[in-house]
């Protein structure tokens, strides 16, 4: 393995989210900023909106049945 080719490793790198949450991880960058994290993502918080997939399917079936007639 060659020496002096690997990036510096920061064992306590800080990731800052737009919501204000700060996470400490190991990374090759000392500081990072993200727009969304597990504290504010709708999937993890349970505040997400469900997409009306059934409505889309019903509209497709209605259009398909009109074309068949």
N, C-alpha and C. Protein backbone atom coordinates (compact mmCIF):
# COMPACT_ATOMS: atom_id res chain seq x y z
N UNK A 1 0.84 -1.18 0.00
CA UNK A 1 0.00 0.00 0.00
C UNK A 1 0.89 1.24 0.00
N UNK A 2 0.58 2.20 -0.85
CA UNK A 2 1.37 3.42 -0.95
C UNK A 2 1.07 4.35 0.22
N UNK A 3 2.08 5.02 0.68
CA UNK A 3 1.87 5.98 1.76
C UNK A 3 1.58 7.36 1.18
N UNK A 4 0.95 8.19 1.97
CA UNK A 4 0.67 9.59 1.62
C UNK A 4 -0.33 9.76 0.47
N UNK A 5 -1.16 8.76 0.15
CA UNK A 5 -2.16 8.94 -0.91
C UNK A 5 -3.58 8.95 -0.36
N UNK A 6 -3.74 8.56 0.89
CA UNK A 6 -5.07 8.48 1.46
C UNK A 6 -5.45 9.81 2.11
N UNK A 7 -6.74 10.18 2.05
CA UNK A 7 -7.16 11.44 2.69
C UNK A 7 -7.10 11.32 4.21
N UNK A 8 -7.00 12.46 4.86
CA UNK A 8 -6.98 12.48 6.32
C UNK A 8 -8.34 12.04 6.84
N UNK A 9 -8.34 11.26 7.90
CA UNK A 9 -9.57 10.73 8.50
C UNK A 9 -9.89 11.50 9.77
N UNK A 10 -11.11 11.98 9.87
CA UNK A 10 -11.58 12.70 11.05
C UNK A 10 -12.55 11.80 11.81
N UNK A 11 -12.15 11.24 12.95
CA UNK A 11 -13.03 10.31 13.67
C UNK A 11 -14.24 10.99 14.30
N UNK A 12 -14.19 12.29 14.52
CA UNK A 12 -15.32 13.02 15.11
C UNK A 12 -15.77 14.14 14.18
N UNK A 13 -15.99 13.82 12.91
CA UNK A 13 -16.48 14.81 11.96
C UNK A 13 -17.91 15.19 12.31
N UNK A 14 -18.27 16.43 12.08
CA UNK A 14 -19.60 16.94 12.43
C UNK A 14 -20.45 17.11 11.17
N UNK A 15 -21.66 16.57 11.22
CA UNK A 15 -22.65 16.77 10.15
C UNK A 15 -23.75 17.64 10.72
N UNK A 16 -23.98 18.78 10.10
CA UNK A 16 -25.00 19.71 10.57
C UNK A 16 -26.17 19.71 9.59
N UNK A 17 -27.37 19.49 10.13
CA UNK A 17 -28.59 19.48 9.32
C UNK A 17 -29.20 20.88 9.30
N UNK A 18 -30.04 21.13 8.31
CA UNK A 18 -30.73 22.41 8.22
C UNK A 18 -31.68 22.62 9.40
N UNK A 19 -32.14 21.55 10.03
CA UNK A 19 -33.04 21.67 11.18
C UNK A 19 -32.29 22.00 12.46
N UNK A 20 -30.94 21.95 12.43
CA UNK A 20 -30.14 22.27 13.60
C UNK A 20 -29.53 21.05 14.28
N UNK A 21 -29.90 19.88 13.87
CA UNK A 21 -29.36 18.65 14.46
C UNK A 21 -27.89 18.48 14.04
N UNK A 22 -27.04 18.10 14.99
CA UNK A 22 -25.62 17.87 14.72
C UNK A 22 -25.30 16.42 15.05
N UNK A 23 -24.66 15.73 14.10
CA UNK A 23 -24.31 14.32 14.25
C UNK A 23 -22.79 14.20 14.14
N UNK A 24 -22.18 13.41 15.02
CA UNK A 24 -20.75 13.16 14.97
C UNK A 24 -20.50 11.78 14.36
N UNK A 25 -19.71 11.74 13.29
CA UNK A 25 -19.39 10.49 12.60
C UNK A 25 -17.92 10.52 12.18
N UNK A 26 -17.43 9.41 11.71
CA UNK A 26 -16.09 9.35 11.14
C UNK A 26 -16.17 9.58 9.64
N UNK A 27 -15.35 10.50 9.12
CA UNK A 27 -15.41 10.81 7.70
C UNK A 27 -14.09 11.43 7.23
N UNK A 28 -13.98 11.65 5.94
CA UNK A 28 -12.78 12.26 5.38
C UNK A 28 -12.90 13.78 5.30
N UNK A 29 -14.05 14.33 5.63
CA UNK A 29 -14.25 15.78 5.73
C UNK A 29 -14.54 16.13 7.18
N UNK A 30 -14.03 17.25 7.65
CA UNK A 30 -14.21 17.61 9.05
C UNK A 30 -15.61 18.12 9.35
N UNK A 31 -16.19 18.90 8.42
CA UNK A 31 -17.54 19.45 8.61
C UNK A 31 -18.34 19.25 7.34
N UNK A 32 -19.62 18.88 7.50
CA UNK A 32 -20.53 18.71 6.37
C UNK A 32 -21.88 19.31 6.74
N UNK A 33 -22.63 19.74 5.73
CA UNK A 33 -23.98 20.25 5.94
C UNK A 33 -24.93 19.51 5.02
N UNK A 34 -26.06 19.08 5.59
CA UNK A 34 -27.09 18.38 4.82
C UNK A 34 -28.41 19.10 4.99
N UNK A 35 -29.34 18.84 4.09
CA UNK A 35 -30.64 19.50 4.13
C UNK A 35 -31.65 18.75 4.98
N UNK A 36 -31.48 17.44 5.11
CA UNK A 36 -32.47 16.64 5.81
C UNK A 36 -31.78 15.48 6.53
N UNK A 37 -32.27 15.14 7.72
CA UNK A 37 -31.68 14.06 8.51
C UNK A 37 -32.81 13.22 9.12
N UNK A 38 -32.44 12.25 9.94
CA UNK A 38 -33.45 11.37 10.53
C UNK A 38 -34.32 12.09 11.56
N UNK A 39 -33.88 13.23 12.07
CA UNK A 39 -34.69 13.99 13.04
C UNK A 39 -35.80 14.78 12.36
N UNK A 40 -35.61 15.12 11.08
CA UNK A 40 -36.61 15.95 10.40
C UNK A 40 -37.21 15.30 9.15
N UNK A 41 -36.74 14.14 8.75
CA UNK A 41 -37.27 13.47 7.56
C UNK A 41 -38.67 12.93 7.86
N UNK A 42 -39.63 13.16 6.99
CA UNK A 42 -41.01 12.72 7.24
C UNK A 42 -41.16 11.22 7.45
N UNK A 43 -40.33 10.42 6.83
CA UNK A 43 -40.42 8.97 7.00
C UNK A 43 -40.14 8.57 8.45
N UNK A 44 -39.16 9.20 9.07
CA UNK A 44 -38.79 8.86 10.44
C UNK A 44 -39.65 9.56 11.49
N UNK A 45 -40.16 10.74 11.17
CA UNK A 45 -40.96 11.48 12.14
C UNK A 45 -42.42 11.07 12.13
N UNK A 46 -42.88 10.43 11.05
CA UNK A 46 -44.28 10.03 10.95
C UNK A 46 -45.20 11.14 10.51
N UNK A 47 -44.64 12.26 10.08
CA UNK A 47 -45.45 13.40 9.65
C UNK A 47 -45.57 13.50 8.14
N UNK A 48 -45.17 12.45 7.44
CA UNK A 48 -45.19 12.47 5.99
C UNK A 48 -46.59 12.31 5.43
N UNK A 49 -46.76 12.79 4.22
CA UNK A 49 -48.04 12.63 3.53
C UNK A 49 -47.98 11.36 2.70
N UNK A 50 -49.04 10.62 2.70
CA UNK A 50 -49.11 9.42 1.88
C UNK A 50 -49.60 9.81 0.49
N UNK A 51 -48.94 9.29 -0.51
CA UNK A 51 -49.35 9.57 -1.88
C UNK A 51 -50.57 8.72 -2.19
N UNK A 52 -51.52 9.33 -2.85
CA UNK A 52 -52.77 8.64 -3.18
C UNK A 52 -52.56 7.74 -4.38
N UNK A 53 -51.87 6.64 -4.16
CA UNK A 53 -51.58 5.71 -5.25
C UNK A 53 -52.86 5.03 -5.74
N UNK A 54 -53.77 4.75 -4.84
CA UNK A 54 -55.02 4.09 -5.24
C UNK A 54 -55.82 4.98 -6.18
N UNK A 55 -55.83 6.27 -5.93
CA UNK A 55 -56.54 7.20 -6.81
C UNK A 55 -55.95 7.23 -8.20
N UNK A 56 -54.65 7.12 -8.29
CA UNK A 56 -53.99 7.11 -9.59
C UNK A 56 -54.32 5.84 -10.36
N UNK A 57 -54.36 4.74 -9.65
CA UNK A 57 -54.69 3.46 -10.29
C UNK A 57 -56.13 3.50 -10.79
N UNK A 58 -57.03 4.02 -9.98
CA UNK A 58 -58.43 4.09 -10.38
C UNK A 58 -58.61 5.00 -11.60
N UNK A 59 -57.90 6.11 -11.66
CA UNK A 59 -57.99 6.98 -12.83
C UNK A 59 -57.47 6.28 -14.07
N UNK A 60 -56.38 5.52 -13.92
CA UNK A 60 -55.85 4.77 -15.06
C UNK A 60 -56.85 3.75 -15.55
N UNK A 61 -57.45 3.02 -14.63
CA UNK A 61 -58.44 2.00 -15.01
C UNK A 61 -59.65 2.63 -15.68
N UNK A 62 -60.06 3.80 -15.22
CA UNK A 62 -61.20 4.48 -15.82
C UNK A 62 -60.88 4.89 -17.26
N UNK A 63 -59.68 5.42 -17.47
CA UNK A 63 -59.28 5.81 -18.83
C UNK A 63 -59.15 4.58 -19.72
N UNK A 64 -58.59 3.50 -19.18
CA UNK A 64 -58.42 2.29 -19.96
C UNK A 64 -59.77 1.68 -20.35
N UNK A 65 -60.73 1.73 -19.45
CA UNK A 65 -62.05 1.16 -19.77
C UNK A 65 -62.78 2.02 -20.81
N UNK A 66 -62.54 3.33 -20.82
CA UNK A 66 -63.16 4.19 -21.84
C UNK A 66 -62.62 3.85 -23.22
N UNK A 67 -61.32 3.55 -23.31
CA UNK A 67 -60.72 3.24 -24.59
C UNK A 67 -61.19 1.87 -25.12
N UNK A 68 -61.50 0.96 -24.22
CA UNK A 68 -61.95 -0.37 -24.62
C UNK A 68 -63.34 -0.34 -25.22
N UNK A 69 -64.17 0.60 -24.79
CA UNK A 69 -65.57 0.67 -25.25
C UNK A 69 -65.70 1.24 -26.62
